[in-house]
């Protein structure tokens, strides 16, 4: 392992972590790219060398976190570095993209629960209780910042009540949000790594045309079952149903996104129009709902005429 590789991997990872922690508003977007250097160097040098780079990065991050008094950096580095290693192993096995995202997401969720369980032993709290406590602490900090900006007592009270409602809603659906968020980060790094690997002439899995990807056909029965379960009077069943429904509809959002990309590629839409389309999808929730519905009904309508051609 050369010094150049160590500096390239560790330096890039630390830069992205610092940007995510110190830059307001857009900082968290940099953290989405943190697994990328570990994915690149683990694929380039091998898994054994990748593990060594992870250990060096965690030590460097621990030192930096002690200086900045920001211990969350250690957890972020551990999580994202392991994600890079896991995705590189998916690349080596050459699994399809759906299975790769599923396995990597489940692995990261399991690792995260183990880490939170160990961290919660000192506080005698479970993983889910720690997440809820973290949201409550974020609520208090947000209210304190809002009051420090000179807001009056009445506005601060109204803002506190509004955030309390938001926290109450999030406390019921945070398992599904955690699953969807982890899956999105895995998918995002798989997509972003493709041009990097092609430019560096590294082996990239033969995923084929991603604009022809389809969700599993039997997933629709899960949506139907979860929809009916919402009308039951059992709180535990309804909680499970709403979280399962959010996860499955997120899968259909990516299905709808592949349909959208199919037609953007088919009609050779210029980049500036594509940017406008994706901008609307990110900032207008109605378009996300439209993508989910398109992915759901594609099981029967077959918008791209892919299934009908296979039958012929």
Protein backbone atom coordinates (compact mmCIF):
# COMPACT_ATOMS: atom_id res chain seq x y z
CA UNK A 1 0.00 0.00 0.00
CA UNK A 2 1.61 3.19 -1.19
CA UNK A 3 1.61 6.46 0.72
CA UNK A 4 -0.09 8.08 -2.25
CA UNK A 5 -3.06 5.72 -1.93
CA UNK A 6 -3.29 6.32 1.82
CA UNK A 7 -3.29 10.09 1.38
CA UNK A 8 -5.76 9.87 -1.50
CA UNK A 9 -8.29 7.76 0.38
CA UNK A 10 -7.92 9.21 3.88
CA UNK A 11 -7.55 12.80 2.67
CA UNK A 12 -10.62 12.63 0.44
CA UNK A 13 -12.72 10.98 3.14
CA UNK A 14 -11.71 13.51 5.82
CA UNK A 15 -12.38 16.41 3.44
CA UNK A 16 -15.88 15.15 2.70
CA UNK A 17 -16.61 14.55 6.40
CA UNK A 18 -15.39 18.02 7.36
CA UNK A 19 -17.46 19.58 4.59
CA UNK A 20 -20.55 17.73 5.79
CA UNK A 21 -19.98 18.91 9.37
CA UNK A 22 -18.86 22.50 8.84
CA UNK A 23 -20.67 23.76 5.73
CA UNK A 24 -24.24 24.85 6.51
CA UNK A 25 -27.25 23.76 4.44
CA UNK A 26 -25.43 21.89 1.65
CA UNK A 27 -22.93 20.20 3.98
CA UNK A 28 -24.88 16.95 4.44
CA UNK A 29 -24.81 16.37 0.68
CA UNK A 30 -21.03 15.93 0.85
CA UNK A 31 -21.46 13.05 3.29
CA UNK A 32 -23.29 11.09 0.57
CA UNK A 33 -19.98 10.85 -1.32
CA UNK A 34 -17.91 9.66 1.66
CA UNK A 35 -18.17 5.92 0.79
CA UNK A 36 -16.81 6.64 -2.70
CA UNK A 37 -13.05 6.82 -1.89
CA UNK A 38 -13.25 3.58 0.12
CA UNK A 39 -15.18 1.92 -2.71
CA UNK A 40 -12.63 3.07 -5.27
CA UNK A 41 -9.49 2.07 -3.37
CA UNK A 42 -10.96 -1.24 -2.13
CA UNK A 43 -11.75 -2.18 -5.71
CA UNK A 44 -8.37 -0.96 -6.95
CA UNK A 45 -6.15 -2.46 -4.22
CA UNK A 46 -8.27 -5.33 -2.91
CA UNK A 47 -10.39 -5.87 0.19
CA UNK A 48 -7.43 -6.50 2.51
CA UNK A 49 -5.84 -3.17 1.63
CA UNK A 50 -9.25 -1.54 1.88
CA UNK A 51 -9.62 -2.75 5.47
CA UNK A 52 -6.24 -1.19 6.31
CA UNK A 53 -7.36 2.11 4.79
CA UNK A 54 -10.54 1.98 6.85
CA UNK A 55 -8.53 1.52 10.06
CA UNK A 56 -6.21 4.41 9.21
CA UNK A 57 -9.18 6.63 8.32
CA UNK A 58 -10.98 5.87 11.60
CA UNK A 59 -7.84 6.72 13.61
CA UNK A 60 -7.37 9.98 11.69
CA UNK A 61 -11.06 10.83 12.12
CA UNK A 62 -10.89 10.12 15.86
CA UNK A 63 -8.01 12.56 16.20
CA UNK A 64 -9.84 15.18 14.17
CA UNK A 65 -13.06 14.64 16.14
CA UNK A 66 -11.18 15.16 19.41
CA UNK A 67 -9.75 18.44 18.14
CA UNK A 68 -13.08 19.72 16.82
CA UNK A 69 -15.09 18.20 19.70
CA UNK A 70 -17.42 16.58 17.17
CA UNK A 71 -17.56 12.86 18.08
CA UNK A 72 -20.24 12.14 15.45
CA UNK A 73 -17.49 12.19 12.82
CA UNK A 74 -16.19 8.84 14.10
CA UNK A 75 -19.55 7.14 13.63
CA UNK A 76 -19.97 8.68 10.16
CA UNK A 77 -16.50 7.54 9.10
CA UNK A 78 -17.10 4.02 10.41
CA UNK A 79 -20.48 3.74 8.69
CA UNK A 80 -19.48 5.15 5.31
CA UNK A 81 -16.11 3.37 5.14
CA UNK A 82 -17.78 0.01 5.77
CA UNK A 83 -20.37 0.87 3.15
CA UNK A 84 -17.58 1.40 0.62
CA UNK A 85 -16.08 -1.99 1.49
CA UNK A 86 -19.43 -3.75 1.22
CA UNK A 87 -20.24 -2.23 -2.18
CA UNK A 88 -16.79 -3.17 -3.48
CA UNK A 89 -17.51 -6.77 -2.46
CA UNK A 90 -20.80 -6.55 -4.38
CA UNK A 91 -18.81 -5.40 -7.40
CA UNK A 92 -16.44 -8.34 -7.07
CA UNK A 93 -19.31 -10.82 -6.99
CA UNK A 94 -20.96 -9.10 -10.01
CA UNK A 95 -24.49 -9.26 -8.64
CA UNK A 96 -27.30 -7.35 -10.34
CA UNK A 97 -27.99 -3.84 -9.12
CA UNK A 98 -31.23 -4.67 -7.30
CA UNK A 99 -29.67 -7.47 -5.29
CA UNK A 100 -26.53 -5.42 -4.64
CA UNK A 101 -28.53 -2.50 -3.22
CA UNK A 102 -30.65 -4.85 -1.12
CA UNK A 103 -27.72 -6.76 0.41
CA UNK A 104 -25.62 -3.63 1.01
CA UNK A 105 -28.58 -1.81 2.61
CA UNK A 106 -29.41 -4.73 4.92
CA UNK A 107 -25.74 -5.08 5.89
CA UNK A 108 -25.44 -1.38 6.75
CA UNK A 109 -28.65 -1.43 8.78
CA UNK A 110 -27.42 -4.43 10.73
CA UNK A 111 -24.05 -2.77 11.39
CA UNK A 112 -25.77 0.46 12.44
CA UNK A 113 -28.07 -1.34 14.88
CA UNK A 114 -25.12 -3.20 16.41
CA UNK A 115 -23.13 0.02 16.84
CA UNK A 116 -26.10 1.82 18.41
CA UNK A 117 -26.82 -1.15 20.66
CA UNK A 118 -23.24 -1.13 21.94
CA UNK A 119 -23.32 2.66 22.36
CA UNK A 120 -26.63 2.42 24.22
CA UNK A 121 -25.34 -0.03 26.82
CA UNK A 122 -23.90 2.83 28.87
CA UNK A 123 -27.25 4.65 28.85
CA UNK A 124 -29.31 1.47 29.24
CA UNK A 125 -31.18 2.27 26.03
CA UNK A 126 -32.01 0.25 22.92
CA UNK A 127 -31.13 1.31 19.35
CA UNK A 128 -34.60 2.65 18.56
CA UNK A 129 -34.76 4.50 21.87
CA UNK A 130 -31.44 6.17 21.08
CA UNK A 131 -32.73 7.36 17.72
CA UNK A 132 -35.83 8.83 19.35
CA UNK A 133 -33.72 10.50 22.06
CA UNK A 134 -31.48 11.96 19.34
CA UNK A 135 -34.53 13.45 17.59
CA UNK A 136 -35.71 14.95 20.88
CA UNK A 137 -32.29 16.49 21.46
CA UNK A 138 -32.30 17.90 17.92
CA UNK A 139 -35.70 19.42 18.67
CA UNK A 140 -34.40 21.16 21.78
CA UNK A 141 -31.31 22.46 19.97
CA UNK A 142 -33.39 23.77 17.06
CA UNK A 143 -35.75 25.59 19.40
CA UNK A 144 -32.79 27.07 21.29
CA UNK A 145 -31.26 28.36 18.03
CA UNK A 146 -34.61 29.82 16.96
CA UNK A 147 -35.04 31.59 20.29
CA UNK A 148 -31.46 32.86 20.11
CA UNK A 149 -32.25 34.54 16.78
CA UNK A 150 -34.51 36.97 18.62
CA UNK A 151 -37.87 35.28 18.17
CA UNK A 152 -40.55 36.37 20.61
CA UNK A 153 -42.00 34.05 23.26
CA UNK A 154 -45.20 33.46 21.28
CA UNK A 155 -43.39 32.62 18.04
CA UNK A 156 -40.96 30.38 19.90
CA UNK A 157 -43.88 28.55 21.54
CA UNK A 158 -45.65 28.08 18.22
CA UNK A 159 -42.41 26.86 16.62
CA UNK A 160 -41.84 24.44 19.49
CA UNK A 161 -45.35 23.03 19.09
CA UNK A 162 -44.84 22.65 15.33
CA UNK A 163 -41.57 20.78 15.78
CA UNK A 164 -43.17 18.59 18.44
CA UNK A 165 -45.79 17.51 15.87
CA UNK A 166 -43.04 16.82 13.33
CA UNK A 167 -41.10 14.74 15.86
CA UNK A 168 -44.25 12.82 16.75
CA UNK A 169 -44.78 11.93 13.09
CA UNK A 170 -41.13 11.02 12.56
CA UNK A 171 -41.15 8.83 15.66
CA UNK A 172 -43.75 6.63 13.95
CA UNK A 173 -42.08 6.33 10.55
CA UNK A 174 -38.35 6.67 11.32
CA UNK A 175 -37.65 2.92 10.73
CA UNK A 176 -38.81 3.25 7.13
CA UNK A 177 -36.98 6.56 6.70
CA UNK A 178 -33.81 4.91 7.99
CA UNK A 179 -34.16 2.05 5.50
CA UNK A 180 -34.96 4.33 2.57
CA UNK A 181 -32.14 6.75 3.43
CA UNK A 182 -29.57 3.96 3.69
CA UNK A 183 -30.74 2.42 0.43
CA UNK A 184 -30.55 5.79 -1.31
CA UNK A 185 -26.94 6.35 -0.20
CA UNK A 186 -25.98 2.87 -1.44
CA UNK A 187 -27.72 3.43 -4.80
CA UNK A 188 -26.24 6.92 -5.16
CA UNK A 189 -22.67 5.68 -4.70
CA UNK A 190 -23.21 2.83 -7.15
CA UNK A 191 -24.43 5.29 -9.78
CA UNK A 192 -21.75 7.93 -9.13
CA UNK A 193 -18.93 5.37 -9.13
CA UNK A 194 -19.67 4.27 -12.69
CA UNK A 195 -18.08 7.24 -14.53
CA UNK A 196 -15.19 7.26 -12.03
CA UNK A 197 -14.45 3.59 -12.61
CA UNK A 198 -14.70 4.00 -16.38
CA UNK A 199 -12.33 6.96 -16.29
CA UNK A 200 -9.81 5.04 -14.14
CA UNK A 201 -10.32 1.84 -16.17
CA UNK A 202 -11.48 -0.23 -13.21
CA UNK A 203 -13.86 -3.16 -13.56
CA UNK A 204 -17.50 -2.09 -13.12
CA UNK A 205 -20.28 -4.69 -12.79
CA UNK A 206 -22.24 -5.38 -16.00
CA UNK A 207 -25.49 -3.87 -14.76
CA UNK A 208 -26.66 -3.19 -18.30
CA UNK A 209 -29.11 -0.42 -19.18
CA UNK A 210 -30.38 0.90 -15.85
CA UNK A 211 -33.23 2.72 -17.59
CA UNK A 212 -34.80 -0.71 -18.18
CA UNK A 213 -34.76 -1.76 -14.52
CA UNK A 214 -38.02 -3.03 -13.02
CA UNK A 215 -39.06 -3.74 -9.48
CA UNK A 216 -40.08 -7.31 -8.60
CA UNK A 217 -43.58 -8.08 -9.83
CA UNK A 218 -44.66 -9.77 -6.59
CA UNK A 219 -43.92 -6.56 -4.63
CA UNK A 220 -47.36 -5.25 -5.59
CA UNK A 221 -48.96 -7.85 -3.30
CA UNK A 222 -47.02 -6.38 -0.39
CA UNK A 223 -48.40 -2.93 -1.23
CA UNK A 224 -51.95 -4.30 -1.34
CA UNK A 225 -51.54 -6.15 1.96
CA UNK A 226 -50.02 -3.09 3.68
CA UNK A 227 -52.82 -0.90 2.32
CA UNK A 228 -55.51 -3.14 3.79
CA UNK A 229 -53.61 -3.40 7.09
CA UNK A 230 -53.89 0.38 7.53
CA UNK A 231 -57.62 -0.02 8.15
CA UNK A 232 -57.11 -2.41 11.05
CA UNK A 233 -57.57 -1.15 14.60
CA UNK A 234 -54.36 -2.72 15.98
CA UNK A 235 -51.77 0.05 16.50
CA UNK A 236 -48.77 -2.30 16.11
CA UNK A 237 -50.07 -3.68 12.82
CA UNK A 238 -50.79 -0.19 11.48
CA UNK A 239 -47.32 0.97 12.51
CA UNK A 240 -45.74 -1.95 10.68
CA UNK A 241 -47.98 -1.42 7.65
CA UNK A 242 -47.19 2.28 7.21
CA UNK A 243 -43.46 1.69 7.49
CA UNK A 244 -43.58 -1.22 5.05
CA UNK A 245 -45.68 0.85 2.65
CA UNK A 246 -43.19 3.73 2.69
CA UNK A 247 -40.29 1.36 1.91
CA UNK A 248 -42.14 -0.36 -0.94
CA UNK A 249 -43.30 2.93 -2.46
CA UNK A 250 -39.68 4.14 -2.35
CA UNK A 251 -38.79 1.12 -4.50
CA UNK A 252 -41.50 2.16 -6.96
CA UNK A 253 -40.07 5.69 -7.03
CA UNK A 254 -36.83 4.24 -8.41
CA UNK A 255 -38.88 2.13 -10.82
CA UNK A 256 -40.60 5.30 -12.03
CA UNK A 257 -37.24 7.05 -12.24
CA UNK A 258 -35.96 4.32 -14.57
CA UNK A 259 -39.04 4.86 -16.78
CA UNK A 260 -38.32 8.59 -16.86
CA UNK A 261 -34.66 7.98 -17.78
CA UNK A 262 -35.77 5.59 -20.52
CA UNK A 263 -37.71 8.31 -22.31
CA UNK A 264 -35.12 11.01 -21.64
CA UNK A 265 -32.54 8.77 -23.29
CA UNK A 266 -34.89 7.67 -26.05
CA UNK A 267 -35.64 11.22 -27.18
CA UNK A 268 -32.10 12.46 -26.42
CA UNK A 269 -33.26 15.25 -24.13
CA UNK A 270 -30.47 17.85 -23.65
CA UNK A 271 -28.73 18.10 -20.25
CA UNK A 272 -30.21 21.47 -19.28
CA UNK A 273 -33.76 20.12 -19.61
CA UNK A 274 -32.80 17.02 -17.62
CA UNK A 275 -31.44 19.23 -14.87
CA UNK A 276 -34.76 21.10 -14.75
CA UNK A 277 -36.69 17.83 -14.57
CA UNK A 278 -34.59 16.49 -11.69
CA UNK A 279 -34.78 19.86 -9.93
CA UNK A 280 -38.58 19.66 -9.97
CA UNK A 281 -38.49 16.08 -8.72
CA UNK A 282 -36.29 17.02 -5.77
CA UNK A 283 -38.24 20.11 -4.69
CA UNK A 284 -41.82 19.18 -5.67
CA UNK A 285 -43.19 16.17 -3.82
CA UNK A 286 -46.03 15.73 -6.32
CA UNK A 287 -43.52 14.54 -8.93
CA UNK A 288 -42.12 11.96 -6.52
CA UNK A 289 -45.67 10.66 -6.02
CA UNK A 290 -46.07 10.57 -9.80
CA UNK A 291 -42.90 8.48 -10.18
CA UNK A 292 -44.11 6.05 -7.51
CA UNK A 293 -47.47 5.64 -9.23
CA UNK A 294 -45.79 5.21 -12.61
CA UNK A 295 -43.59 2.46 -11.19
CA UNK A 296 -46.57 0.78 -9.52
CA UNK A 297 -48.84 0.77 -12.58
CA UNK A 298 -46.01 -0.20 -14.93
CA UNK A 299 -46.62 -3.75 -13.74
CA UNK A 300 -49.81 -3.73 -15.84
CA UNK A 301 -49.43 -0.88 -18.36
CA UNK A 302 -45.78 -1.57 -19.31
CA UNK A 303 -44.94 2.01 -20.29
CA UNK A 304 -41.68 1.06 -22.01
CA UNK A 305 -43.13 -1.99 -23.81
CA UNK A 306 -40.29 -4.08 -22.38
CA UNK A 307 -42.36 -6.94 -21.05
CA UNK A 308 -44.50 -7.23 -24.17
CA UNK A 309 -41.40 -7.46 -26.36
CA UNK A 310 -40.01 -10.25 -24.20
CA UNK A 311 -43.29 -12.15 -24.56
CA UNK A 312 -43.17 -11.74 -28.35
